[in-house]
Structures are given as structure tokens and as C-alpha cells.
Amino acid sequence: MKNNLKVIAIGTLLIGAQLLTNCVATVRRPPPPARVEVIPVAPSPRHVWVPGHYVRRGRNYIWVNGFYATNRGRRGY
């Protein structure tokens, strides 16, 4: 009976140690403030401006410039 309790206690300690080592505290920085973009003239009335935004790449943020896009496949009129 004592041997079973020792095995259970050791197993519990090992599982607890494994759970603690798997806990990783990650501190994520928020993205920088959005950049000010100069919006050029639209190529046509059907084009809509998609604003620029930050994309997370690993530990860094990369700025993706804004662009004009059309809404193909849907009719907005």
C-alpha cells in the first residue's frame, strides 16, 4: 500500500512539474499607431479605399499599405 502511495505521489509531482514547465508567459506588444496615409484619387467610382494596417510577423509588426479595390461579384447599385 505504501508503494502505491509513493508511485501516485511521484506521478503527481511529475505531472505538476510538466504542467508548470509548459506554461510560458508571453508579453505581446500592441501594434504601433496607424500611419497617416495620403489617399490618392480613385481610379473609378467603383473603387473603394482599403486602409493600411499592421500585420504581425513573428515578434514584429509590418505595415501593409492601403490600396484601392473593386467589389467584384456583387452589385452595389
C-alpha atoms as a PDB file:
ATOM      1  CA  MET A   1       0.000   0.000   0.000  1.00  0.00           C
ATOM      2  CA  LYS A   2       2.848   2.389   0.831  1.00  0.00           C
ATOM      3  CA  ASN A   3       4.464   1.708  -2.538  1.00  0.00           C
ATOM      4  CA  ASN A   4       1.264   2.649  -4.358  1.00  0.00           C
ATOM      5  CA  LEU A   5       1.077   5.944  -2.482  1.00  0.00           C
ATOM      6  CA  LYS A   6       4.701   6.696  -3.368  1.00  0.00           C
ATOM      7  CA  VAL A   7       4.053   5.975  -7.039  1.00  0.00           C
ATOM      8  CA  ILE A   8       0.957   8.191  -7.029  1.00  0.00           C
ATOM      9  CA  ALA A   9       2.811  10.996  -5.225  1.00  0.00           C
ATOM     10  CA  ILE A  10       5.777  10.849  -7.600  1.00  0.00           C
ATOM     11  CA  GLY A  11       3.453  10.722 -10.616  1.00  0.00           C
ATOM     12  CA  THR A  12       1.511  13.716  -9.346  1.00  0.00           C
ATOM     13  CA  LEU A  13       4.730  15.676  -8.812  1.00  0.00           C
ATOM     14  CA  LEU A  14       5.986  14.810 -12.288  1.00  0.00           C
ATOM     15  CA  ILE A  15       2.712  15.813 -13.920  1.00  0.00           C
ATOM     16  CA  GLY A  16       2.660  19.069 -11.930  1.00  0.00           C
ATOM     17  CA  ALA A  17       6.252  19.842 -12.926  1.00  0.00           C
ATOM     18  CA  GLN A  18       5.418  19.143 -16.577  1.00  0.00           C
ATOM     19  CA  LEU A  19       2.418  21.464 -16.444  1.00  0.00           C
ATOM     20  CA  LEU A  20       4.480  24.243 -14.881  1.00  0.00           C
ATOM     21  CA  THR A  21       7.257  23.959 -17.457  1.00  0.00           C
ATOM     22  CA  ASN A  22       4.729  24.158 -20.282  1.00  0.00           C
ATOM     23  CA  CYS A  23       3.397  27.493 -19.017  1.00  0.00           C
ATOM     24  CA  VAL A  24       5.125  30.223 -20.948  1.00  0.00           C
ATOM     25  CA  ALA A  25       4.420  33.823 -20.144  1.00  0.00           C
ATOM     26  CA  THR A  26       4.353  35.789 -23.372  1.00  0.00           C
ATOM     27  CA  VAL A  27       4.038  39.531 -23.325  1.00  0.00           C
ATOM     28  CA  ARG A  28       2.693  40.831 -26.585  1.00  0.00           C
ATOM     29  CA  ARG A  29       3.104  44.425 -27.533  1.00  0.00           C
ATOM     30  CA  PRO A  30       0.169  46.114 -29.216  1.00  0.00           C
ATOM     31  CA  PRO A  31       0.771  47.319 -32.772  1.00  0.00           C
ATOM     32  CA  PRO A  32       2.137  50.826 -33.227  1.00  0.00           C
ATOM     33  CA  PRO A  33      -0.322  53.612 -34.009  1.00  0.00           C
ATOM     34  CA  ALA A  34      -1.685  53.542 -37.553  1.00  0.00           C
ATOM     35  CA  ARG A  35       0.244  55.592 -40.066  1.00  0.00           C
ATOM     36  CA  VAL A  36      -1.240  58.608 -41.766  1.00  0.00           C
ATOM     37  CA  GLU A  37      -1.823  57.772 -45.417  1.00  0.00           C
ATOM     38  CA  VAL A  38      -2.394  60.158 -48.277  1.00  0.00           C
ATOM     39  CA  ILE A  39      -5.283  58.643 -50.195  1.00  0.00           C
ATOM     40  CA  PRO A  40      -4.824  59.094 -53.935  1.00  0.00           C
ATOM     41  CA  VAL A  41      -7.679  59.767 -56.340  1.00  0.00           C
ATOM     42  CA  ALA A  42      -9.753  56.681 -57.048  1.00  0.00           C
ATOM     43  CA  PRO A  43      -9.226  55.097 -60.480  1.00  0.00           C
ATOM     44  CA  SER A  44     -13.023  54.889 -60.952  1.00  0.00           C
ATOM     45  CA  PRO A  45     -16.207  55.369 -58.928  1.00  0.00           C
ATOM     46  CA  ARG A  46     -16.386  51.597 -58.380  1.00  0.00           C
ATOM     47  CA  HIS A  47     -13.108  51.522 -56.453  1.00  0.00           C
ATOM     48  CA  VAL A  48     -13.107  51.601 -52.649  1.00  0.00           C
ATOM     49  CA  TRP A  49     -10.145  52.533 -50.471  1.00  0.00           C
ATOM     50  CA  VAL A  50      -8.901  49.744 -48.175  1.00  0.00           C
ATOM     51  CA  PRO A  51      -6.906  51.428 -45.381  1.00  0.00           C
ATOM     52  CA  GLY A  52      -3.412  50.303 -44.441  1.00  0.00           C
ATOM     53  CA  HIS A  53      -2.887  48.182 -41.351  1.00  0.00           C
ATOM     54  CA  TYR A  54      -0.253  46.321 -39.371  1.00  0.00           C
ATOM     55  CA  VAL A  55       0.276  42.571 -39.731  1.00  0.00           C
ATOM     56  CA  ARG A  56       2.089  40.548 -37.107  1.00  0.00           C
ATOM     57  CA  ARG A  57       5.129  38.636 -38.407  1.00  0.00           C
ATOM     58  CA  GLY A  58       6.801  36.740 -35.580  1.00  0.00           C
ATOM     59  CA  ARG A  59       7.541  39.274 -32.868  1.00  0.00           C
ATOM     60  CA  ASN A  60       7.327  42.314 -35.140  1.00  0.00           C
ATOM     61  CA  TYR A  61       4.585  44.255 -36.866  1.00  0.00           C
ATOM     62  CA  ILE A  62       4.851  45.068 -40.562  1.00  0.00           C
ATOM     63  CA  TRP A  63       2.866  47.859 -42.200  1.00  0.00           C
ATOM     64  CA  VAL A  64       0.732  46.934 -45.212  1.00  0.00           C
ATOM     65  CA  ASN A  65      -0.057  49.968 -47.368  1.00  0.00           C
ATOM     66  CA  GLY A  66      -3.619  50.863 -48.206  1.00  0.00           C
ATOM     67  CA  PHE A  67      -4.936  50.235 -51.713  1.00  0.00           C
ATOM     68  CA  TYR A  68      -7.970  50.602 -53.935  1.00  0.00           C
ATOM     69  CA  ALA A  69     -10.125  47.536 -54.565  1.00  0.00           C
ATOM     70  CA  THR A  70     -13.272  46.831 -56.517  1.00  0.00           C
ATOM     71  CA  ASN A  71     -16.162  44.810 -55.230  1.00  0.00           C
ATOM     72  CA  ARG A  72     -16.337  42.218 -57.983  1.00  0.00           C
ATOM     73  CA  GLY A  73     -19.170  39.736 -57.938  1.00  0.00           C
ATOM     74  CA  ARG A  74     -21.550  41.996 -56.018  1.00  0.00           C
ATOM     75  CA  ARG A  75     -23.584  44.765 -57.467  1.00  0.00           C
ATOM     76  CA  GLY A  76     -23.719  47.787 -55.221  1.00  0.00           C
ATOM     77  CA  TYR A  77     -26.364  49.536 -57.282  1.00  0.00           C
END
